[in-house]
Amino acid sequence: MFNLMKILEEMTPTGWIIASICLLLWVVIIHCAGIFTEKRWGDRESGALVGFFVPGFLFMALLYLM
């Protein structure tokens, strides 16, 4: 199990910048996945959900592996 408070306390300014960039990229992935599925299948919500949950699950899995 990971300790979120410990991770946040040990973050440097560079770490915060990297985390902000990753969060911004996550939003872009959600948007692009929605546009892709809307063009391909006419359903934007499914792609947005996949774009939201898949990176989130990968992030949580990596936190547990730390």
N, C-alpha and C. Protein backbone atom coordinates (compact mmCIF):
# COMPACT_ATOMS: atom_id res chain seq x y z
N MET A 1 0.85 -1.18 0.00
CA MET A 1 0.00 0.00 0.00
C MET A 1 0.89 1.24 0.00
N PHE A 2 0.44 2.27 -0.66
CA PHE A 2 1.24 3.49 -0.73
C PHE A 2 0.72 4.51 0.28
N ASN A 3 1.60 5.40 0.71
CA ASN A 3 1.26 6.45 1.66
C ASN A 3 1.22 7.77 0.88
N LEU A 4 0.02 8.23 0.57
CA LEU A 4 -0.14 9.43 -0.26
C LEU A 4 0.45 10.66 0.41
N MET A 5 0.26 10.80 1.71
CA MET A 5 0.80 11.98 2.41
C MET A 5 2.33 12.01 2.34
N LYS A 6 2.96 10.85 2.46
CA LYS A 6 4.42 10.79 2.38
C LYS A 6 4.89 11.18 0.98
N ILE A 7 4.18 10.69 -0.04
CA ILE A 7 4.54 11.02 -1.42
C ILE A 7 4.42 12.52 -1.65
N LEU A 8 3.32 13.13 -1.17
CA LEU A 8 3.10 14.57 -1.36
C LEU A 8 4.13 15.40 -0.60
N GLU A 9 4.49 14.98 0.61
CA GLU A 9 5.46 15.73 1.40
C GLU A 9 6.85 15.70 0.78
N GLU A 10 7.19 14.61 0.11
CA GLU A 10 8.54 14.47 -0.46
C GLU A 10 8.66 15.03 -1.88
N MET A 11 7.57 15.54 -2.43
CA MET A 11 7.63 16.06 -3.80
C MET A 11 8.39 17.38 -3.85
N THR A 12 9.25 17.49 -4.82
CA THR A 12 10.01 18.72 -5.05
C THR A 12 9.22 19.58 -6.04
N PRO A 13 9.62 20.84 -6.24
CA PRO A 13 8.94 21.65 -7.26
C PRO A 13 8.96 21.00 -8.64
N THR A 14 10.06 20.33 -8.96
CA THR A 14 10.12 19.62 -10.25
C THR A 14 9.08 18.51 -10.30
N GLY A 15 8.91 17.81 -9.19
CA GLY A 15 7.90 16.76 -9.12
C GLY A 15 6.50 17.31 -9.31
N TRP A 16 6.22 18.48 -8.74
CA TRP A 16 4.91 19.10 -8.92
C TRP A 16 4.69 19.51 -10.37
N ILE A 17 5.73 20.00 -11.01
CA ILE A 17 5.62 20.38 -12.43
C ILE A 17 5.34 19.14 -13.28
N ILE A 18 6.06 18.06 -13.01
CA ILE A 18 5.83 16.82 -13.75
C ILE A 18 4.41 16.31 -13.51
N ALA A 19 3.94 16.36 -12.27
CA ALA A 19 2.58 15.92 -11.96
C ALA A 19 1.55 16.78 -12.68
N SER A 20 1.78 18.08 -12.76
CA SER A 20 0.86 18.98 -13.47
C SER A 20 0.82 18.67 -14.96
N ILE A 21 1.98 18.40 -15.53
CA ILE A 21 2.04 18.05 -16.96
C ILE A 21 1.31 16.74 -17.21
N CYS A 22 1.50 15.77 -16.33
CA CYS A 22 0.81 14.48 -16.48
C CYS A 22 -0.70 14.65 -16.38
N LEU A 23 -1.15 15.50 -15.46
CA LEU A 23 -2.59 15.75 -15.32
C LEU A 23 -3.14 16.42 -16.57
N LEU A 24 -2.41 17.36 -17.13
CA LEU A 24 -2.83 18.02 -18.36
C LEU A 24 -2.88 17.03 -19.52
N LEU A 25 -1.87 16.16 -19.61
CA LEU A 25 -1.86 15.14 -20.66
C LEU A 25 -3.04 14.18 -20.50
N TRP A 26 -3.41 13.88 -19.26
CA TRP A 26 -4.54 12.99 -19.01
C TRP A 26 -5.83 13.61 -19.56
N VAL A 27 -6.01 14.91 -19.34
CA VAL A 27 -7.19 15.60 -19.87
C VAL A 27 -7.18 15.58 -21.40
N VAL A 28 -6.02 15.77 -22.00
CA VAL A 28 -5.91 15.73 -23.46
C VAL A 28 -6.24 14.33 -23.98
N ILE A 29 -5.76 13.29 -23.29
CA ILE A 29 -6.07 11.91 -23.70
C ILE A 29 -7.57 11.66 -23.65
N ILE A 30 -8.24 12.13 -22.60
CA ILE A 30 -9.69 11.97 -22.49
C ILE A 30 -10.38 12.63 -23.67
N HIS A 31 -9.97 13.85 -23.98
CA HIS A 31 -10.59 14.60 -25.08
C HIS A 31 -10.36 13.90 -26.42
N CYS A 32 -9.12 13.49 -26.68
CA CYS A 32 -8.80 12.84 -27.95
C CYS A 32 -9.50 11.50 -28.10
N ALA A 33 -9.60 10.74 -27.01
CA ALA A 33 -10.30 9.45 -27.07
C ALA A 33 -11.77 9.67 -27.39
N GLY A 34 -12.36 10.70 -26.83
CA GLY A 34 -13.75 11.02 -27.14
C GLY A 34 -13.95 11.42 -28.59
N ILE A 35 -13.08 12.23 -29.11
CA ILE A 35 -13.18 12.64 -30.52
C ILE A 35 -12.98 11.44 -31.45
N PHE A 36 -12.01 10.57 -31.14
CA PHE A 36 -11.75 9.40 -31.98
C PHE A 36 -12.96 8.49 -32.04
N THR A 37 -13.56 8.20 -30.89
CA THR A 37 -14.71 7.28 -30.90
C THR A 37 -15.94 7.93 -31.52
N GLU A 38 -16.06 9.25 -31.40
CA GLU A 38 -17.20 9.93 -32.03
C GLU A 38 -17.09 9.83 -33.55
N LYS A 39 -15.89 10.01 -34.09
CA LYS A 39 -15.71 9.91 -35.54
C LYS A 39 -15.89 8.48 -36.01
N ARG A 40 -15.42 7.53 -35.23
CA ARG A 40 -15.43 6.12 -35.66
C ARG A 40 -16.78 5.45 -35.46
N TRP A 41 -17.38 5.63 -34.27
CA TRP A 41 -18.62 4.92 -33.94
C TRP A 41 -19.78 5.84 -33.61
N GLY A 42 -19.57 7.13 -33.57
CA GLY A 42 -20.65 8.06 -33.27
C GLY A 42 -21.00 8.16 -31.80
N ASP A 43 -20.13 7.66 -30.94
CA ASP A 43 -20.39 7.67 -29.50
C ASP A 43 -19.18 8.26 -28.77
N ARG A 44 -19.29 9.51 -28.39
CA ARG A 44 -18.16 10.20 -27.77
C ARG A 44 -17.93 9.78 -26.32
N GLU A 45 -19.00 9.45 -25.61
CA GLU A 45 -18.90 9.17 -24.19
C GLU A 45 -18.08 7.92 -23.89
N SER A 46 -18.21 6.89 -24.72
CA SER A 46 -17.46 5.65 -24.48
C SER A 46 -15.96 5.89 -24.55
N GLY A 47 -15.52 6.61 -25.55
CA GLY A 47 -14.09 6.91 -25.67
C GLY A 47 -13.59 7.78 -24.53
N ALA A 48 -14.41 8.73 -24.10
CA ALA A 48 -14.01 9.59 -22.99
C ALA A 48 -13.89 8.77 -21.71
N LEU A 49 -14.79 7.82 -21.51
CA LEU A 49 -14.70 6.98 -20.32
C LEU A 49 -13.45 6.11 -20.35
N VAL A 50 -13.15 5.54 -21.52
CA VAL A 50 -11.94 4.73 -21.65
C VAL A 50 -10.71 5.61 -21.43
N GLY A 51 -10.71 6.79 -22.02
CA GLY A 51 -9.59 7.72 -21.84
C GLY A 51 -9.43 8.17 -20.41
N PHE A 52 -10.51 8.15 -19.64
CA PHE A 52 -10.45 8.53 -18.23
C PHE A 52 -9.97 7.38 -17.36
N PHE A 53 -10.59 6.22 -17.51
CA PHE A 53 -10.33 5.12 -16.59
C PHE A 53 -9.03 4.37 -16.84
N VAL A 54 -8.66 4.14 -18.08
CA VAL A 54 -7.45 3.34 -18.36
C VAL A 54 -6.19 4.01 -17.80
N PRO A 55 -5.93 5.30 -18.08
CA PRO A 55 -4.74 5.91 -17.46
C PRO A 55 -4.82 5.96 -15.94
N GLY A 56 -6.02 6.15 -15.40
CA GLY A 56 -6.18 6.16 -13.95
C GLY A 56 -5.85 4.82 -13.32
N PHE A 57 -6.32 3.74 -13.94
CA PHE A 57 -6.01 2.41 -13.43
C PHE A 57 -4.52 2.11 -13.54
N LEU A 58 -3.90 2.53 -14.63
CA LEU A 58 -2.46 2.31 -14.78
C LEU A 58 -1.68 3.09 -13.72
N PHE A 59 -2.10 4.32 -13.45
CA PHE A 59 -1.45 5.15 -12.44
C PHE A 59 -1.55 4.50 -11.06
N MET A 60 -2.75 4.04 -10.71
CA MET A 60 -2.93 3.40 -9.40
C MET A 60 -2.12 2.12 -9.30
N ALA A 61 -2.06 1.35 -10.38
CA ALA A 61 -1.26 0.11 -10.36
C ALA A 61 0.21 0.44 -10.14
N LEU A 62 0.69 1.49 -10.78
CA LEU A 62 2.10 1.88 -10.60
C LEU A 62 2.37 2.38 -9.18
N LEU A 63 1.38 3.05 -8.57
CA LEU A 63 1.57 3.49 -7.19
C LEU A 63 1.69 2.29 -6.25
N TYR A 64 0.90 1.26 -6.49
CA TYR A 64 0.98 0.08 -5.64
C TYR A 64 2.29 -0.68 -5.84
N LEU A 65 2.89 -0.56 -7.02
CA LEU A 65 4.15 -1.26 -7.28
C LEU A 65 5.35 -0.53 -6.69
N MET A 66 5.18 0.74 -6.32
CA MET A 66 6.30 1.53 -5.77
C MET A 66 6.71 1.02 -4.41
